Amino acid sequence: MSALSRRHSLCALAGGAWALAAAAEGVLRMPGPPVFAGQRPFFQGDLARLALKKGGRPETLQLLTMPTWPRQVRELRDGHVDFAPLPAHAEAYAEFGLRRVDFPIRRGLLGLRRLVCRRERLAELEALPDLAALKALRLGYGAEWVDRPLLEGLGFRTLPTRSTDHLYAALLAGECDYLSRGVNEIGPELAHYDPGGQQLAAPAQRLLWYPLDDCYFVPQRNGRLHEALTLGLQRALQDGSYQRLFRRHYAAVIELLAKARVWTVEGYPPPTGLPRASFDLLRHWPAA
């Protein structure tokens, strides 16, 4: 996910808002996981609860289902949700009055990408010698993802598509050679788009990494919530409760890293205002 062409990608936000019921007293509202993810654990929600507790906020967290991040930005701007985990490029949302909590939610896990290909090409991708060979293939990528121009500038050949549904349709149709998906996204997506497990595959020992993650965003009018989340996240990182929560959610990712070869995409900068050192996933849980 994702030099920003944000006006095109966010212009639809100027339309009418989807009317959500007002939050009950003592409740904070945040977008939850995609519908197809079902009842799987949701780290962003569990971390938000931990941060609110450690930041001195007693409210209950209510997760709401919203299909796309532009929709989330719109509802956040219009006061129908209180905060949201969004791709960390703050400049994409500045005109909508949103303020970033400067803490990568998963310490760079969003930038750890697994490749997805058609099953008949699995051996080909597993045999790729280096990142240059991968760049010669065509990558299916979201047309509105904010980092697509950056990846293209770094030599990736992309096929822009409009949605996750279109990404997988393009891959299955042979219009692109592979997808690059978050390690925590790939399980639910393969179960959804290839339920029989016969058409798609993901090389287990070929991962990409670049400094990318989500951050929580809060309307500028709610400075107290921003302060509480910032304080709570820092406290959780310092006292080890963040690391314990991460291990509980992502034990399989940590195990995968211990066995995989990770290609770091050189030249990919962290989002403006976030130090590269805060994307410390591979320092805490190194790859093979």
Protein backbone atom coordinates (compact mmCIF):
# COMPACT_ATOMS: atom_id res chain seq x y z
CA MET A 1 0.00 0.00 0.00
CA SER A 2 1.49 3.20 -0.23
CA ALA A 3 5.97 12.35 -4.82
CA LEU A 4 2.16 11.91 -4.20
CA SER A 5 -0.65 12.25 -6.71
CA ARG A 6 -3.05 12.75 -3.87
CA ARG A 7 -5.49 15.15 -5.53
CA HIS A 8 -6.57 12.52 -8.00
CA SER A 9 -6.68 9.77 -5.41
CA LEU A 10 -8.50 11.75 -2.74
CA CYS A 11 -10.74 14.02 -4.78
CA ALA A 12 -13.70 11.70 -4.21
CA LEU A 13 -13.53 12.58 -0.54
CA ALA A 14 -15.17 15.93 -1.21
CA GLY A 15 -18.51 14.17 -1.75
CA GLY A 16 -21.23 13.47 0.78
CA ALA A 17 -20.39 11.61 3.96
CA TRP A 18 -21.70 8.23 4.93
CA ALA A 19 -23.74 8.94 8.07
CA LEU A 20 -22.57 6.82 10.97
CA ALA A 21 -24.36 6.77 14.25
CA ALA A 22 -22.85 9.06 16.83
CA ALA A 23 -20.58 7.32 19.30
CA ALA A 24 -21.99 6.48 22.69
CA GLU A 25 -20.49 8.25 25.66
CA GLY A 26 -17.22 6.64 26.71
CA VAL A 27 -16.60 5.11 23.26
CA LEU A 28 -13.88 5.88 20.70
CA ARG A 29 -14.44 4.75 17.11
CA MET A 30 -11.78 3.41 14.75
CA PRO A 31 -11.94 1.58 11.40
CA GLY A 32 -11.43 -2.16 11.77
CA PRO A 33 -10.16 -4.88 9.40
CA PRO A 34 -11.63 -5.64 5.94
CA VAL A 35 -14.84 -7.64 5.88
CA PHE A 36 -13.18 -10.70 4.32
CA ALA A 37 -10.66 -10.86 7.18
CA GLY A 38 -13.51 -12.10 9.36
CA GLN A 39 -12.79 -12.55 13.04
CA ARG A 40 -9.02 -12.80 12.71
CA PRO A 41 -6.99 -10.91 15.35
CA PHE A 42 -6.51 -7.23 14.47
CA PHE A 43 -3.22 -5.86 15.76
CA GLN A 44 -4.03 -2.22 15.07
CA GLY A 45 -7.11 -2.50 17.27
CA ASP A 46 -5.36 -4.35 20.09
CA LEU A 47 -2.47 -1.88 20.03
CA ALA A 48 -4.90 1.05 20.09
CA ARG A 49 -6.53 -0.39 23.22
CA LEU A 50 -3.12 -0.84 24.84
CA ALA A 51 -2.02 2.70 23.93
CA LEU A 52 -5.26 4.25 25.18
CA LYS A 53 -4.93 2.43 28.49
CA LYS A 54 -1.31 3.46 28.96
CA GLY A 55 -2.11 6.99 27.81
CA GLY A 56 -4.76 7.41 30.49
CA ARG A 57 -7.87 7.16 28.30
CA PRO A 58 -10.62 4.98 29.83
CA GLU A 59 -12.88 4.79 26.76
CA THR A 60 -13.99 1.58 25.08
CA LEU A 61 -12.76 1.11 21.48
CA GLN A 62 -15.41 0.39 18.84
CA LEU A 63 -14.18 -0.97 15.48
CA LEU A 64 -16.17 -0.03 12.37
CA THR A 65 -16.00 -1.68 8.95
CA MET A 66 -14.97 0.62 6.10
CA PRO A 67 -13.84 -0.70 2.72
CA THR A 68 -11.06 1.69 1.64
CA TRP A 69 -8.60 4.14 3.14
CA PRO A 70 -10.10 7.10 1.22
CA ARG A 71 -13.40 6.26 2.90
CA GLN A 72 -11.64 6.21 6.27
CA VAL A 73 -10.10 9.62 5.63
CA ARG A 74 -13.51 11.03 4.76
CA GLU A 75 -15.19 9.64 7.86
CA LEU A 76 -12.33 10.83 10.05
CA ARG A 77 -12.48 14.31 8.60
CA ASP A 78 -16.24 14.48 9.08
CA GLY A 79 -16.15 13.28 12.68
CA HIS A 80 -17.76 9.87 12.14
CA VAL A 81 -14.68 8.11 13.51
CA ASP A 82 -12.24 9.39 16.13
CA PHE A 83 -8.92 8.08 14.80
CA ALA A 84 -7.70 5.66 12.14
CA PRO A 85 -4.62 3.64 11.15
CA LEU A 86 -3.58 4.94 7.72
CA PRO A 87 -0.47 4.81 5.49
CA ALA A 88 2.05 7.06 7.19
CA HIS A 89 2.55 9.68 4.45
CA ALA A 90 1.10 12.62 6.37
CA GLU A 91 1.23 15.00 3.40
CA ALA A 92 -1.51 12.94 1.73
CA TYR A 93 -3.99 13.99 4.40
CA ALA A 94 -2.84 17.49 5.40
CA GLU A 95 -5.65 19.24 3.54
CA PHE A 96 -8.18 17.14 5.44
CA GLY A 97 -7.14 18.38 8.86
CA LEU A 98 -5.53 15.15 10.09
CA ARG A 99 -2.54 14.89 12.39
CA ARG A 100 -0.24 11.87 12.50
CA VAL A 101 0.84 10.09 15.66
CA ASP A 102 4.55 9.67 14.87
CA PHE A 103 4.89 5.99 15.75
CA PRO A 104 4.99 3.29 13.03
CA ILE A 105 2.29 0.94 14.27
CA ARG A 106 4.13 -2.26 13.29
CA ARG A 107 7.68 -0.87 13.21
CA GLY A 108 7.97 -1.39 9.45
CA LEU A 109 6.01 -4.61 9.04
CA LEU A 110 3.85 -3.04 6.31
CA GLY A 111 7.04 -2.65 4.27
CA LEU A 112 7.80 -6.38 4.59
CA ARG A 113 6.25 -7.77 1.43
CA ARG A 114 5.58 -11.28 0.23
CA LEU A 115 5.37 -11.99 -3.46
CA VAL A 116 2.26 -13.60 -4.92
CA CYS A 117 2.25 -15.24 -8.35
CA ARG A 118 0.34 -17.76 -10.39
CA ARG A 119 1.20 -21.23 -9.20
CA GLU A 120 2.74 -22.28 -12.52
CA ARG A 121 5.35 -19.51 -12.11
CA LEU A 122 6.30 -20.29 -8.52
CA ALA A 123 9.58 -22.02 -9.42
CA GLU A 124 10.56 -19.06 -11.62
CA LEU A 125 10.14 -16.55 -8.80
CA GLU A 126 11.86 -18.79 -6.28
CA ALA A 127 14.89 -18.97 -8.60
CA LEU A 128 15.30 -15.20 -9.08
CA PRO A 129 18.91 -14.33 -8.20
CA ASP A 130 18.46 -10.73 -7.09
CA LEU A 131 16.21 -7.69 -6.89
CA ALA A 132 17.17 -6.54 -10.39
CA ALA A 133 15.70 -9.73 -11.82
CA LEU A 134 12.46 -9.11 -9.94
CA LYS A 135 12.25 -5.54 -11.24
CA ALA A 136 12.29 -6.89 -14.80
CA LEU A 137 8.89 -8.49 -14.12
CA ARG A 138 5.60 -6.61 -13.97
CA LEU A 139 4.16 -5.78 -10.55
CA GLY A 140 0.42 -5.35 -10.02
CA TYR A 141 -0.06 -2.29 -7.80
CA GLY A 142 -2.82 0.01 -6.62
CA ALA A 143 -3.24 3.03 -8.88
CA GLU A 144 -4.01 5.26 -5.88
CA TRP A 145 -1.34 3.96 -3.51
CA VAL A 146 0.75 6.93 -2.58
CA ASP A 147 4.14 5.28 -3.09
CA ARG A 148 3.54 3.92 -6.61
CA PRO A 149 5.46 6.78 -8.33
CA LEU A 150 8.33 6.21 -5.91
CA LEU A 151 8.56 2.50 -6.70
CA GLU A 152 8.41 3.24 -10.41
CA GLY A 153 11.26 5.71 -9.96
CA LEU A 154 13.27 2.94 -8.30
CA GLY A 155 12.89 0.71 -11.35
CA PHE A 156 9.77 -1.35 -10.66
CA ARG A 157 7.45 -1.90 -13.62
CA THR A 158 3.89 -1.55 -12.36
CA LEU A 159 0.44 -2.35 -13.67
CA PRO A 160 -1.88 0.12 -11.89
CA THR A 161 -5.25 -1.24 -10.79
CA ARG A 162 -8.20 0.25 -8.91
CA SER A 163 -8.71 -2.16 -6.01
CA THR A 164 -7.56 -5.37 -4.35
CA ASP A 165 -10.20 -7.24 -6.36
CA HIS A 166 -8.71 -5.86 -9.57
CA LEU A 167 -5.17 -6.71 -8.43
CA TYR A 168 -5.96 -10.38 -8.07
CA ALA A 169 -8.07 -10.45 -11.23
CA ALA A 170 -5.13 -9.00 -13.19
CA LEU A 171 -2.75 -11.56 -11.71
CA LEU A 172 -5.05 -14.49 -12.46
CA ALA A 173 -5.54 -13.18 -16.02
CA GLY A 174 -1.77 -12.97 -16.60
CA GLU A 175 -1.80 -9.19 -17.02
CA CYS A 176 0.94 -8.84 -14.39
CA ASP A 177 3.59 -11.26 -13.16
CA TYR A 178 3.33 -10.87 -9.40
CA LEU A 179 1.88 -8.87 -6.53
CA SER A 180 3.67 -7.51 -3.49
CA ARG A 181 1.46 -7.96 -0.42
CA GLY A 182 1.93 -7.40 3.28
CA VAL A 183 2.89 -10.55 5.17
CA ASN A 184 -0.15 -10.13 7.41
CA GLU A 185 -2.48 -9.54 4.43
CA ILE A 186 -1.55 -12.52 2.34
CA GLY A 187 -3.24 -15.31 4.30
CA PRO A 188 -6.75 -13.83 4.29
CA GLU A 189 -6.35 -12.67 0.69
CA LEU A 190 -5.29 -16.05 -0.68
CA ALA A 191 -8.11 -17.73 1.21
CA HIS A 192 -10.53 -15.22 -0.31
CA TYR A 193 -9.27 -15.01 -3.90
CA ASP A 194 -8.04 -18.61 -4.30
CA PRO A 195 -10.08 -20.65 -1.82
CA GLY A 196 -9.06 -23.95 -3.39
CA GLY A 197 -5.37 -23.08 -3.26
CA GLN A 198 -4.87 -24.26 -6.84
CA GLN A 199 -4.14 -21.07 -8.78
CA LEU A 200 -1.90 -18.82 -6.68
CA ALA A 201 1.26 -19.25 -4.63
CA ALA A 202 3.67 -17.20 -2.53
CA PRO A 203 7.42 -17.95 -2.50
CA ALA A 204 8.28 -18.56 1.15
CA GLN A 205 11.90 -17.43 1.01
CA ARG A 206 11.71 -14.26 -1.10
CA LEU A 207 10.67 -11.12 0.76
CA LEU A 208 10.95 -7.40 -0.02
CA TRP A 209 11.42 -4.75 2.64
CA TYR A 210 11.32 -0.96 2.69
CA PRO A 211 10.53 1.52 5.50
CA LEU A 212 6.75 1.68 5.27
CA ASP A 213 4.00 1.38 7.83
CA ASP A 214 0.73 2.78 9.05
CA CYS A 215 0.37 5.37 11.79
CA TYR A 216 -2.68 6.44 13.71
CA PHE A 217 -4.18 9.71 12.44
CA VAL A 218 -6.33 12.00 14.58
CA PRO A 219 -8.29 15.13 13.58
CA GLN A 220 -6.34 18.25 14.49
CA ARG A 221 -9.25 19.34 16.66
CA ASN A 222 -8.63 16.42 19.04
CA GLY A 223 -5.22 17.25 20.47
CA ARG A 224 -5.87 15.39 23.72
CA LEU A 225 -6.45 12.10 21.94
CA HIS A 226 -3.29 12.64 19.87
CA GLU A 227 -1.32 13.28 23.06
CA ALA A 228 -2.74 10.20 24.81
CA LEU A 229 -1.96 7.88 21.88
CA THR A 230 1.58 9.26 21.56
CA LEU A 231 2.25 8.83 25.27
CA GLY A 232 0.65 5.39 25.45
CA LEU A 233 2.58 4.01 22.47
CA GLN A 234 5.91 5.23 23.82
CA ARG A 235 5.16 3.73 27.23
CA ALA A 236 4.22 0.40 25.66
CA LEU A 237 7.46 0.33 23.66
CA GLN A 238 9.55 1.21 26.71
CA ASP A 239 7.99 -1.29 29.12
CA GLY A 240 7.99 -4.21 26.67
CA SER A 241 4.22 -4.59 26.39
CA TYR A 242 4.38 -3.53 22.74
CA GLN A 243 6.90 -6.28 21.95
CA ARG A 244 4.82 -8.90 23.77
CA LEU A 245 1.71 -7.91 21.83
CA PHE A 246 3.65 -7.99 18.56
CA ARG A 247 4.98 -11.50 19.25
CA ARG A 248 1.51 -12.73 20.11
CA HIS A 249 0.08 -11.49 16.80
CA TYR A 250 3.04 -12.10 14.52
CA ALA A 251 4.81 -15.23 15.74
CA ALA A 252 4.46 -16.74 12.26
CA VAL A 253 6.07 -13.65 10.68
CA ILE A 254 9.00 -13.82 13.09
CA GLU A 255 9.43 -17.50 12.22
CA LEU A 256 9.24 -16.69 8.50
CA LEU A 257 11.89 -13.99 8.83
CA ALA A 258 14.29 -16.42 10.48
CA LYS A 259 14.24 -18.57 7.33
CA ALA A 260 13.75 -16.06 4.51
CA ARG A 261 15.99 -13.99 2.28
CA VAL A 262 14.99 -10.33 2.44
CA TRP A 263 15.76 -7.91 -0.38
CA THR A 264 15.90 -4.34 0.95
CA VAL A 265 14.70 -1.79 -1.62
CA GLU A 266 17.51 0.76 -1.50
CA GLY A 267 16.53 4.36 -2.12
CA TYR A 268 13.06 4.05 -0.62
CA PRO A 269 12.86 6.83 2.02
CA PRO A 270 10.81 6.64 5.21
CA PRO A 271 7.72 8.85 5.28
CA THR A 272 8.58 12.51 5.87
CA GLY A 273 9.10 13.27 9.54
CA LEU A 274 9.61 9.68 10.68
CA PRO A 275 13.21 8.61 11.42
CA ARG A 276 14.38 5.48 9.66
CA ALA A 277 15.47 4.14 13.05
CA SER A 278 11.82 3.86 14.08
CA PHE A 279 11.31 1.23 11.37
CA ASP A 280 13.26 -1.28 13.41
CA LEU A 281 11.41 -4.52 12.64
CA LEU A 282 14.48 -6.25 11.19
CA ARG A 283 16.64 -5.15 14.11
CA HIS A 284 14.33 -6.76 16.66
CA TRP A 285 13.57 -9.82 14.53
CA PRO A 286 16.38 -10.27 11.97
CA ALA A 287 16.09 -12.25 8.76
CA ALA A 288 18.17 -15.26 7.85
